């Protein structure tokens, strides 16, 4: 997880993006739809930063560390499990 903490203003800005499921001071959860778009665009050869910007994200607000770590995580999950690997399953695995 990134060390960058979001301000209240940044949280409001991020939460208006249709590809954000939730956002807090410490983290952001992207929609499964955005992850699918991201992988599709990566396979076309688009750059990580450009994909985030084309989908309405301000990469300066997110921080490039967070952007690149999300990219790395999603590419690994997709390679291992295909499109199913990108699903957010946290709600299904509650204790």
PDB file of N, CA and C in Angstrom:
ATOM      1  N   UNK A   1       0.840  -1.180   0.000  1.00  0.00           N
ATOM      2  CA  UNK A   1       0.000   0.000   0.000  1.00  0.00           C
ATOM      3  C   UNK A   1       0.882   1.239   0.000  1.00  0.00           C
ATOM      4  N   UNK A   2       0.400   2.252  -0.680  1.00  0.00           N
ATOM      5  CA  UNK A   2       1.124   3.503  -0.808  1.00  0.00           C
ATOM      6  C   UNK A   2       1.147   4.248   0.520  1.00  0.00           C
ATOM      7  N   UNK A   3       2.186   5.031   0.707  1.00  0.00           N
ATOM      8  CA  UNK A   3       2.283   5.830   1.926  1.00  0.00           C
ATOM      9  C   UNK A   3       1.529   7.148   1.789  1.00  0.00           C
ATOM     10  N   UNK A   4       1.086   7.470   0.577  1.00  0.00           N
ATOM     11  CA  UNK A   4       0.373   8.718   0.344  1.00  0.00           C
ATOM     12  C   UNK A   4      -1.005   8.664   1.000  1.00  0.00           C
ATOM     13  N   UNK A   5      -1.304   9.678   1.771  1.00  0.00           N
ATOM     14  CA  UNK A   5      -2.598   9.798   2.435  1.00  0.00           C
ATOM     15  C   UNK A   5      -3.451  10.788   1.632  1.00  0.00           C
ATOM     16  N   UNK A   6      -4.687  10.400   1.344  1.00  0.00           N
ATOM     17  CA  UNK A   6      -5.583  11.292   0.611  1.00  0.00           C
ATOM     18  C   UNK A   6      -6.196  12.326   1.541  1.00  0.00           C
ATOM     19  N   UNK A   7      -6.302  13.560   1.066  1.00  0.00           N
ATOM     20  CA  UNK A   7      -6.997  14.614   1.812  1.00  0.00           C
ATOM     21  C   UNK A   7      -8.499  14.467   1.570  1.00  0.00           C
ATOM     22  N   UNK A   8      -9.299  15.185   2.359  1.00  0.00           N
ATOM     23  CA  UNK A   8     -10.756  15.150   2.164  1.00  0.00           C
ATOM     24  C   UNK A   8     -11.118  15.622   0.759  1.00  0.00           C
ATOM     25  N   UNK A   9     -10.434  16.635   0.265  1.00  0.00           N
ATOM     26  CA  UNK A   9     -10.689  17.158  -1.081  1.00  0.00           C
ATOM     27  C   UNK A   9     -10.378  16.096  -2.139  1.00  0.00           C
ATOM     28  N   UNK A  10      -9.264  15.396  -1.979  1.00  0.00           N
ATOM     29  CA  UNK A  10      -8.886  14.340  -2.923  1.00  0.00           C
ATOM     30  C   UNK A  10      -9.871  13.176  -2.870  1.00  0.00           C
ATOM     31  N   UNK A  11     -10.341  12.837  -1.677  1.00  0.00           N
ATOM     32  CA  UNK A  11     -11.329  11.756  -1.517  1.00  0.00           C
ATOM     33  C   UNK A  11     -12.604  12.113  -2.267  1.00  0.00           C
ATOM     34  N   UNK A  12     -13.065  13.352  -2.128  1.00  0.00           N
ATOM     35  CA  UNK A  12     -14.273  13.791  -2.843  1.00  0.00           C
ATOM     36  C   UNK A  12     -14.055  13.728  -4.346  1.00  0.00           C
ATOM     37  N   UNK A  13     -12.888  14.185  -4.801  1.00  0.00           N
ATOM     38  CA  UNK A  13     -12.577  14.172  -6.231  1.00  0.00           C
ATOM     39  C   UNK A  13     -12.561  12.736  -6.759  1.00  0.00           C
ATOM     40  N   UNK A  14     -11.875  11.852  -6.063  1.00  0.00           N
ATOM     41  CA  UNK A  14     -11.764  10.459  -6.506  1.00  0.00           C
ATOM     42  C   UNK A  14     -13.114   9.743  -6.472  1.00  0.00           C
ATOM     43  N   UNK A  15     -13.919  10.028  -5.468  1.00  0.00           N
ATOM     44  CA  UNK A  15     -15.186   9.311  -5.319  1.00  0.00           C
ATOM     45  C   UNK A  15     -16.187   9.658  -6.418  1.00  0.00           C
ATOM     46  N   UNK A  16     -15.954  10.750  -7.157  1.00  0.00           N
ATOM     47  CA  UNK A  16     -16.850  11.098  -8.260  1.00  0.00           C
ATOM     48  C   UNK A  16     -16.541  10.292  -9.515  1.00  0.00           C
ATOM     49  N   UNK A  17     -15.402   9.617  -9.560  1.00  0.00           N
ATOM     50  CA  UNK A  17     -15.022   8.818 -10.729  1.00  0.00           C
ATOM     51  C   UNK A  17     -15.846   7.527 -10.741  1.00  0.00           C
ATOM     52  N   UNK A  18     -16.451   7.220 -11.892  1.00  0.00           N
ATOM     53  CA  UNK A  18     -17.326   6.037 -11.971  1.00  0.00           C
ATOM     54  C   UNK A  18     -16.567   4.724 -11.821  1.00  0.00           C
ATOM     55  N   UNK A  19     -15.252   4.752 -11.910  1.00  0.00           N
ATOM     56  CA  UNK A  19     -14.447   3.542 -11.767  1.00  0.00           C
ATOM     57  C   UNK A  19     -13.913   3.335 -10.347  1.00  0.00           C
ATOM     58  N   UNK A  20     -14.390   4.136  -9.406  1.00  0.00           N
ATOM     59  CA  UNK A  20     -13.985   4.002  -8.003  1.00  0.00           C
ATOM     60  C   UNK A  20     -15.129   3.384  -7.222  1.00  0.00           C
ATOM     61  N   UNK A  21     -14.824   2.238  -6.602  1.00  0.00           N
ATOM     62  CA  UNK A  21     -15.823   1.560  -5.776  1.00  0.00           C
ATOM     63  C   UNK A  21     -15.890   2.235  -4.408  1.00  0.00           C
ATOM     64  N   UNK A  22     -14.723   2.492  -3.822  1.00  0.00           N
ATOM     65  CA  UNK A  22     -14.655   3.201  -2.539  1.00  0.00           C
ATOM     66  C   UNK A  22     -13.282   3.840  -2.398  1.00  0.00           C
ATOM     67  N   UNK A  23     -13.214   4.843  -1.531  1.00  0.00           N
ATOM     68  CA  UNK A  23     -11.947   5.522  -1.279  1.00  0.00           C
ATOM     69  C   UNK A  23     -11.934   6.018   0.172  1.00  0.00           C
ATOM     70  N   UNK A  24     -10.772   5.899   0.795  1.00  0.00           N
ATOM     71  CA  UNK A  24     -10.589   6.387   2.161  1.00  0.00           C
ATOM     72  C   UNK A  24      -9.280   7.170   2.193  1.00  0.00           C
ATOM     73  N   UNK A  25      -8.890   7.630   3.350  1.00  0.00           N
ATOM     74  CA  UNK A  25      -7.643   8.388   3.438  1.00  0.00           C
ATOM     75  C   UNK A  25      -6.437   7.544   3.048  1.00  0.00           C
ATOM     76  N   UNK A  26      -6.515   6.239   3.279  1.00  0.00           N
ATOM     77  CA  UNK A  26      -5.361   5.372   3.040  1.00  0.00           C
ATOM     78  C   UNK A  26      -5.420   4.535   1.773  1.00  0.00           C
ATOM     79  N   UNK A  27      -6.587   4.386   1.183  1.00  0.00           N
ATOM     80  CA  UNK A  27      -6.656   3.491   0.038  1.00  0.00           C
ATOM     81  C   UNK A  27      -7.824   3.761  -0.877  1.00  0.00           C
ATOM     82  N   UNK A  28      -7.746   3.116  -2.032  1.00  0.00           N
ATOM     83  CA  UNK A  28      -8.779   3.242  -3.049  1.00  0.00           C
ATOM     84  C   UNK A  28      -9.100   1.850  -3.585  1.00  0.00           C
ATOM     85  N   UNK A  29     -10.379   1.581  -3.815  1.00  0.00           N
ATOM     86  CA  UNK A  29     -10.819   0.330  -4.416  1.00  0.00           C
ATOM     87  C   UNK A  29     -11.432   0.662  -5.765  1.00  0.00           C
ATOM     88  N   UNK A  30     -10.878   0.069  -6.798  1.00  0.00           N
ATOM     89  CA  UNK A  30     -11.338   0.304  -8.163  1.00  0.00           C
ATOM     90  C   UNK A  30     -12.424  -0.714  -8.507  1.00  0.00           C
ATOM     91  N   UNK A  31     -13.286  -0.353  -9.450  1.00  0.00           N
ATOM     92  CA  UNK A  31     -14.329  -1.285  -9.890  1.00  0.00           C
ATOM     93  C   UNK A  31     -13.708  -2.392 -10.738  1.00  0.00           C
ATOM     94  N   UNK A  32     -14.397  -3.518 -10.783  1.00  0.00           N
ATOM     95  CA  UNK A  32     -13.951  -4.617 -11.643  1.00  0.00           C
ATOM     96  C   UNK A  32     -13.954  -4.170 -13.101  1.00  0.00           C
ATOM     97  N   UNK A  33     -14.907  -3.319 -13.461  1.00  0.00           N
ATOM     98  CA  UNK A  33     -14.986  -2.804 -14.833  1.00  0.00           C
ATOM     99  C   UNK A  33     -13.694  -2.067 -15.209  1.00  0.00           C
ATOM    100  N   UNK A  34     -13.191  -1.245 -14.295  1.00  0.00           N
ATOM    101  CA  UNK A  34     -11.957  -0.507 -14.579  1.00  0.00           C
ATOM    102  C   UNK A  34     -10.778  -1.467 -14.753  1.00  0.00           C
ATOM    103  N   UNK A  35     -10.722  -2.499 -13.932  1.00  0.00           N
ATOM    104  CA  UNK A  35      -9.631  -3.472 -14.043  1.00  0.00           C
ATOM    105  C   UNK A  35      -9.673  -4.171 -15.398  1.00  0.00           C
ATOM    106  N   UNK A  36     -10.876  -4.488 -15.874  1.00  0.00           N
ATOM    107  CA  UNK A  36     -11.019  -5.119 -17.194  1.00  0.00           C
ATOM    108  C   UNK A  36     -10.556  -4.170 -18.296  1.00  0.00           C
ATOM    109  N   UNK A  37     -10.980  -2.921 -18.203  1.00  0.00           N
ATOM    110  CA  UNK A  37     -10.550  -1.910 -19.175  1.00  0.00           C
ATOM    111  C   UNK A  37      -9.035  -1.782 -19.144  1.00  0.00           C
ATOM    112  N   UNK A  38      -8.486  -1.739 -17.944  1.00  0.00           N
ATOM    113  CA  UNK A  38      -7.041  -1.581 -17.781  1.00  0.00           C
ATOM    114  C   UNK A  38      -6.287  -2.711 -18.497  1.00  0.00           C
ATOM    115  N   UNK A  39      -6.683  -3.946 -18.243  1.00  0.00           N
ATOM    116  CA  UNK A  39      -6.002  -5.096 -18.853  1.00  0.00           C
ATOM    117  C   UNK A  39      -6.152  -5.068 -20.373  1.00  0.00           C
ATOM    118  N   UNK A  40      -7.344  -4.752 -20.858  1.00  0.00           N
ATOM    119  CA  UNK A  40      -7.585  -4.670 -22.306  1.00  0.00           C
ATOM    120  C   UNK A  40      -6.666  -3.628 -22.945  1.00  0.00           C
ATOM    121  N   UNK A  41      -6.570  -2.476 -22.319  1.00  0.00           N
ATOM    122  CA  UNK A  41      -5.733  -1.405 -22.857  1.00  0.00           C
ATOM    123  C   UNK A  41      -4.243  -1.742 -22.761  1.00  0.00           C
ATOM    124  N   UNK A  42      -3.838  -2.414 -21.685  1.00  0.00           N
ATOM    125  CA  UNK A  42      -2.429  -2.829 -21.546  1.00  0.00           C
ATOM    126  C   UNK A  42      -2.064  -3.794 -22.667  1.00  0.00           C
ATOM    127  N   UNK A  43      -2.990  -4.715 -22.978  1.00  0.00           N
ATOM    128  CA  UNK A  43      -2.729  -5.686 -24.042  1.00  0.00           C
ATOM    129  C   UNK A  43      -2.617  -5.017 -25.411  1.00  0.00           C
ATOM    130  N   UNK A  44      -3.226  -3.848 -25.550  1.00  0.00           N
ATOM    131  CA  UNK A  44      -3.107  -3.072 -26.789  1.00  0.00           C
ATOM    132  C   UNK A  44      -1.803  -2.280 -26.829  1.00  0.00           C
ATOM    133  N   UNK A  45      -1.071  -2.286 -25.706  1.00  0.00           N
ATOM    134  CA  UNK A  45       0.208  -1.589 -25.654  1.00  0.00           C
ATOM    135  C   UNK A  45       0.156  -0.194 -25.054  1.00  0.00           C
ATOM    136  N   UNK A  46      -0.985   0.193 -24.493  1.00  0.00           N
ATOM    137  CA  UNK A  46      -1.087   1.515 -23.877  1.00  0.00           C
ATOM    138  C   UNK A  46      -0.314   1.572 -22.562  1.00  0.00           C
ATOM    139  N   UNK A  47       0.165   2.756 -22.253  1.00  0.00           N
ATOM    140  CA  UNK A  47       0.944   2.956 -21.029  1.00  0.00           C
ATOM    141  C   UNK A  47       0.032   3.042 -19.811  1.00  0.00           C
ATOM    142  N   UNK A  48       0.526   2.543 -18.690  1.00  0.00           N
ATOM    143  CA  UNK A  48      -0.238   2.522 -17.438  1.00  0.00           C
ATOM    144  C   UNK A  48      -0.777   3.904 -17.093  1.00  0.00           C
ATOM    145  N   UNK A  49       0.088   4.883 -17.081  1.00  0.00           N
ATOM    146  CA  UNK A  49      -0.318   6.242 -16.720  1.00  0.00           C
ATOM    147  C   UNK A  49      -1.427   6.742 -17.647  1.00  0.00           C
ATOM    148  N   UNK A  50      -1.275   6.511 -18.946  1.00  0.00           N
ATOM    149  CA  UNK A  50      -2.269   6.977 -19.920  1.00  0.00           C
ATOM    150  C   UNK A  50      -3.631   6.330 -19.705  1.00  0.00           C
ATOM    151  N   UNK A  51      -3.638   5.051 -19.358  1.00  0.00           N
ATOM    152  CA  UNK A  51      -4.907   4.345 -19.125  1.00  0.00           C
ATOM    153  C   UNK A  51      -5.641   4.984 -17.949  1.00  0.00           C
ATOM    154  N   UNK A  52      -4.926   5.216 -16.861  1.00  0.00           N
ATOM    155  CA  UNK A  52      -5.542   5.850 -15.685  1.00  0.00           C
ATOM    156  C   UNK A  52      -6.081   7.239 -16.052  1.00  0.00           C
ATOM    157  N   UNK A  53      -5.282   8.017 -16.789  1.00  0.00           N
ATOM    158  CA  UNK A  53      -5.706   9.370 -17.153  1.00  0.00           C
ATOM    159  C   UNK A  53      -6.903   9.343 -18.103  1.00  0.00           C
ATOM    160  N   UNK A  54      -6.921   8.405 -19.063  1.00  0.00           N
ATOM    161  CA  UNK A  54      -8.040   8.301 -19.999  1.00  0.00           C
ATOM    162  C   UNK A  54      -9.337   7.925 -19.287  1.00  0.00           C
ATOM    163  N   UNK A  55      -9.220   7.265 -18.159  1.00  0.00           N
ATOM    164  CA  UNK A  55     -10.401   6.866 -17.382  1.00  0.00           C
ATOM    165  C   UNK A  55     -10.756   7.895 -16.313  1.00  0.00           C
ATOM    166  N   UNK A  56     -10.158   9.082 -16.406  1.00  0.00           N
ATOM    167  CA  UNK A  56     -10.560  10.189 -15.540  1.00  0.00           C
ATOM    168  C   UNK A  56      -9.818  10.321 -14.227  1.00  0.00           C
ATOM    169  N   UNK A  57      -8.737   9.576 -14.043  1.00  0.00           N
ATOM    170  CA  UNK A  57      -7.974   9.683 -12.803  1.00  0.00           C
ATOM    171  C   UNK A  57      -6.886  10.736 -12.925  1.00  0.00           C
ATOM    172  N   UNK A  58      -6.661  11.478 -11.850  1.00  0.00           N
ATOM    173  CA  UNK A  58      -5.537  12.402 -11.758  1.00  0.00           C
ATOM    174  C   UNK A  58      -4.397  11.623 -11.105  1.00  0.00           C
ATOM    175  N   UNK A  59      -3.400  11.237 -11.902  1.00  0.00           N
ATOM    176  CA  UNK A  59      -2.325  10.391 -11.379  1.00  0.00           C
ATOM    177  C   UNK A  59      -1.475  11.124 -10.348  1.00  0.00           C
ATOM    178  N   UNK A  60      -1.510  12.449 -10.366  1.00  0.00           N
ATOM    179  CA  UNK A  60      -0.776  13.206  -9.343  1.00  0.00           C
ATOM    180  C   UNK A  60      -1.465  13.041  -7.985  1.00  0.00           C
ATOM    181  N   UNK A  61      -2.779  12.948  -7.984  1.00  0.00           N
ATOM    182  CA  UNK A  61      -3.532  12.727  -6.739  1.00  0.00           C
ATOM    183  C   UNK A  61      -3.319  11.293  -6.259  1.00  0.00           C
ATOM    184  N   UNK A  62      -3.413  10.337  -7.174  1.00  0.00           N
ATOM    185  CA  UNK A  62      -3.231   8.925  -6.801  1.00  0.00           C
ATOM    186  C   UNK A  62      -1.809   8.655  -6.339  1.00  0.00           C
ATOM    187  N   UNK A  63      -0.864   9.242  -7.025  1.00  0.00           N
ATOM    188  CA  UNK A  63       0.542   8.941  -6.764  1.00  0.00           C
ATOM    189  C   UNK A  63       0.993   7.805  -7.672  1.00  0.00           C
ATOM    190  N   UNK A  64       2.130   7.984  -8.309  1.00  0.00           N
ATOM    191  CA  UNK A  64       2.591   7.000  -9.286  1.00  0.00           C
ATOM    192  C   UNK A  64       2.928   5.656  -8.647  1.00  0.00           C
ATOM    193  N   UNK A  65       3.354   5.647  -7.398  1.00  0.00           N
ATOM    194  CA  UNK A  65       3.620   4.371  -6.720  1.00  0.00           C
ATOM    195  C   UNK A  65       2.349   3.528  -6.662  1.00  0.00           C
ATOM    196  N   UNK A  66       1.242   4.168  -6.297  1.00  0.00           N
ATOM    197  CA  UNK A  66      -0.041   3.466  -6.195  1.00  0.00           C
ATOM    198  C   UNK A  66      -0.486   2.976  -7.574  1.00  0.00           C
ATOM    199  N   UNK A  67      -0.313   3.806  -8.599  1.00  0.00           N
ATOM    200  CA  UNK A  67      -0.704   3.456  -9.965  1.00  0.00           C
ATOM    201  C   UNK A  67       0.095   2.242 -10.448  1.00  0.00           C
ATOM    202  N   UNK A  68       1.408   2.282 -10.277  1.00  0.00           N
ATOM    203  CA  UNK A  68       2.237   1.181 -10.759  1.00  0.00           C
ATOM    204  C   UNK A  68       2.050  -0.101  -9.948  1.00  0.00           C
ATOM    205  N   UNK A  69       1.805   0.019  -8.654  1.00  0.00           N
ATOM    206  CA  UNK A  69       1.598  -1.202  -7.867  1.00  0.00           C
ATOM    207  C   UNK A  69       0.259  -1.850  -8.230  1.00  0.00           C
ATOM    208  N   UNK A  70      -0.763  -1.046  -8.518  1.00  0.00           N
ATOM    209  CA  UNK A  70      -2.046  -1.600  -8.958  1.00  0.00           C
ATOM    210  C   UNK A  70      -1.861  -2.307 -10.299  1.00  0.00           C
ATOM    211  N   UNK A  71      -1.137  -1.688 -11.200  1.00  0.00           N
ATOM    212  CA  UNK A  71      -0.863  -2.282 -12.507  1.00  0.00           C
ATOM    213  C   UNK A  71      -0.169  -3.629 -12.365  1.00  0.00           C
ATOM    214  N   UNK A  72       0.849  -3.666 -11.553  1.00  0.00           N
ATOM    215  CA  UNK A  72       1.618  -4.899 -11.335  1.00  0.00           C
ATOM    216  C   UNK A  72       0.731  -5.999 -10.738  1.00  0.00           C
ATOM    217  N   UNK A  73      -0.077  -5.624  -9.749  1.00  0.00           N
ATOM    218  CA  UNK A  73      -0.968  -6.573  -9.067  1.00  0.00           C
ATOM    219  C   UNK A  73      -2.005  -7.144 -10.035  1.00  0.00           C
ATOM    220  N   UNK A  74      -2.617  -6.282 -10.846  1.00  0.00           N
ATOM    221  CA  UNK A  74      -3.657  -6.734 -11.778  1.00  0.00           C
ATOM    222  C   UNK A  74      -3.082  -7.580 -12.893  1.00  0.00           C
ATOM    223  N   UNK A  75      -1.917  -7.209 -13.411  1.00  0.00           N
ATOM    224  CA  UNK A  75      -1.303  -8.008 -14.485  1.00  0.00           C
ATOM    225  C   UNK A  75      -0.959  -9.401 -13.970  1.00  0.00           C
ATOM    226  N   UNK A  76      -0.463  -9.491 -12.741  1.00  0.00           N
ATOM    227  CA  UNK A  76      -0.123 -10.781 -12.153  1.00  0.00           C
ATOM    228  C   UNK A  76      -1.386 -11.627 -11.947  1.00  0.00           C
ATOM    229  N   UNK A  77      -2.428 -11.014 -11.400  1.00  0.00           N
ATOM    230  CA  UNK A  77      -3.690 -11.731 -11.155  1.00  0.00           C
ATOM    231  C   UNK A  77      -4.300 -12.213 -12.467  1.00  0.00           C
ATOM    232  N   UNK A  78      -4.237 -11.380 -13.496  1.00  0.00           N
ATOM    233  CA  UNK A  78      -4.792 -11.744 -14.799  1.00  0.00           C
ATOM    234  C   UNK A  78      -3.999 -12.880 -15.430  1.00  0.00           C
ATOM    235  N   UNK A  79      -2.697 -12.824 -15.301  1.00  0.00           N
ATOM    236  CA  UNK A  79      -1.842 -13.871 -15.867  1.00  0.00           C
ATOM    237  C   UNK A  79      -2.100 -15.217 -15.186  1.00  0.00           C
ATOM    238  N   UNK A  80      -2.327 -15.186 -13.877  1.00  0.00           N
ATOM    239  CA  UNK A  80      -2.531 -16.424 -13.120  1.00  0.00           C
ATOM    240  C   UNK A  80      -3.938 -16.993 -13.283  1.00  0.00           C
ATOM    241  N   UNK A  81      -4.970 -16.119 -13.297  1.00  0.00           N
ATOM    242  CA  UNK A  81      -6.356 -16.589 -13.239  1.00  0.00           C
ATOM    243  C   UNK A  81      -7.277 -16.025 -14.311  1.00  0.00           C
ATOM    244  N   UNK A  82      -6.744 -15.297 -15.254  1.00  0.00           N
ATOM    245  CA  UNK A  82      -7.589 -14.697 -16.278  1.00  0.00           C
ATOM    246  C   UNK A  82      -8.458 -13.600 -15.701  1.00  0.00           C
ATOM    247  N   UNK A  83      -9.539 -13.299 -16.374  1.00  0.00           N
ATOM    248  CA  UNK A  83     -10.414 -12.195 -15.995  1.00  0.00           C
ATOM    249  C   UNK A  83     -11.013 -12.396 -14.605  1.00  0.00           C
ATOM    250  N   UNK A  84     -11.201 -13.648 -14.189  1.00  0.00           N
ATOM    251  CA  UNK A  84     -11.732 -13.957 -12.845  1.00  0.00           C
ATOM    252  C   UNK A  84     -10.766 -13.456 -11.766  1.00  0.00           C
ATOM    253  N   UNK A  85      -9.486 -13.474 -12.053  1.00  0.00           N
ATOM    254  CA  UNK A  85      -8.477 -13.037 -11.084  1.00  0.00           C
ATOM    255  C   UNK A  85      -8.561 -11.567 -10.741  1.00  0.00           C
ATOM    256  N   UNK A  86      -9.276 -10.784 -11.544  1.00  0.00           N
ATOM    257  CA  UNK A  86      -9.395  -9.347 -11.299  1.00  0.00           C
ATOM    258  C   UNK A  86     -10.560  -8.997 -10.384  1.00  0.00           C
ATOM    259  N   UNK A  87     -11.437  -9.948 -10.113  1.00  0.00           N
ATOM    260  CA  UNK A  87     -12.616  -9.683  -9.288  1.00  0.00           C
ATOM    261  C   UNK A  87     -12.242  -9.367  -7.853  1.00  0.00           C
ATOM    262  N   UNK A  88     -12.954  -8.416  -7.274  1.00  0.00           N
ATOM    263  CA  UNK A  88     -12.797  -8.092  -5.863  1.00  0.00           C
ATOM    264  C   UNK A  88     -13.706  -9.038  -5.087  1.00  0.00           C
ATOM    265  N   UNK A  89     -13.115  -9.995  -4.398  1.00  0.00           N
ATOM    266  CA  UNK A  89     -13.897 -11.034  -3.711  1.00  0.00           C
ATOM    267  C   UNK A  89     -13.937 -10.840  -2.193  1.00  0.00           C
ATOM    268  N   UNK A  90     -13.514  -9.684  -1.710  1.00  0.00           N
ATOM    269  CA  UNK A  90     -13.445  -9.472  -0.261  1.00  0.00           C
ATOM    270  C   UNK A  90     -14.792  -9.627   0.420  1.00  0.00           C
ATOM    271  N   UNK A  91     -15.862  -9.141  -0.193  1.00  0.00           N
ATOM    272  CA  UNK A  91     -17.196  -9.250   0.415  1.00  0.00           C
ATOM    273  C   UNK A  91     -17.649 -10.696   0.533  1.00  0.00           C
ATOM    274  N   UNK A  92     -17.179 -11.535  -0.405  1.00  0.00           N
ATOM    275  CA  UNK A  92     -17.584 -12.930  -0.398  1.00  0.00           C
ATOM    276  C   UNK A  92     -16.812 -13.751   0.642  1.00  0.00           C
ATOM    277  N   UNK A  93     -15.723 -13.220   1.130  1.00  0.00           N
ATOM    278  CA  UNK A  93     -14.860 -13.963   2.046  1.00  0.00           C
ATOM    279  C   UNK A  93     -14.877 -13.413   3.467  1.00  0.00           C
ATOM    280  N   UNK A  94     -15.967 -12.785   3.870  1.00  0.00           N
ATOM    281  CA  UNK A  94     -16.002 -12.192   5.206  1.00  0.00           C
ATOM    282  C   UNK A  94     -16.009 -13.301   6.258  1.00  0.00           C
ATOM    283  N   UNK A  95     -15.379 -12.996   7.366  1.00  0.00           N
ATOM    284  CA  UNK A  95     -15.191 -13.986   8.419  1.00  0.00           C
ATOM    285  C   UNK A  95     -16.382 -14.139   9.271  1.00  0.00           C
TER     286      UNK A  95
END
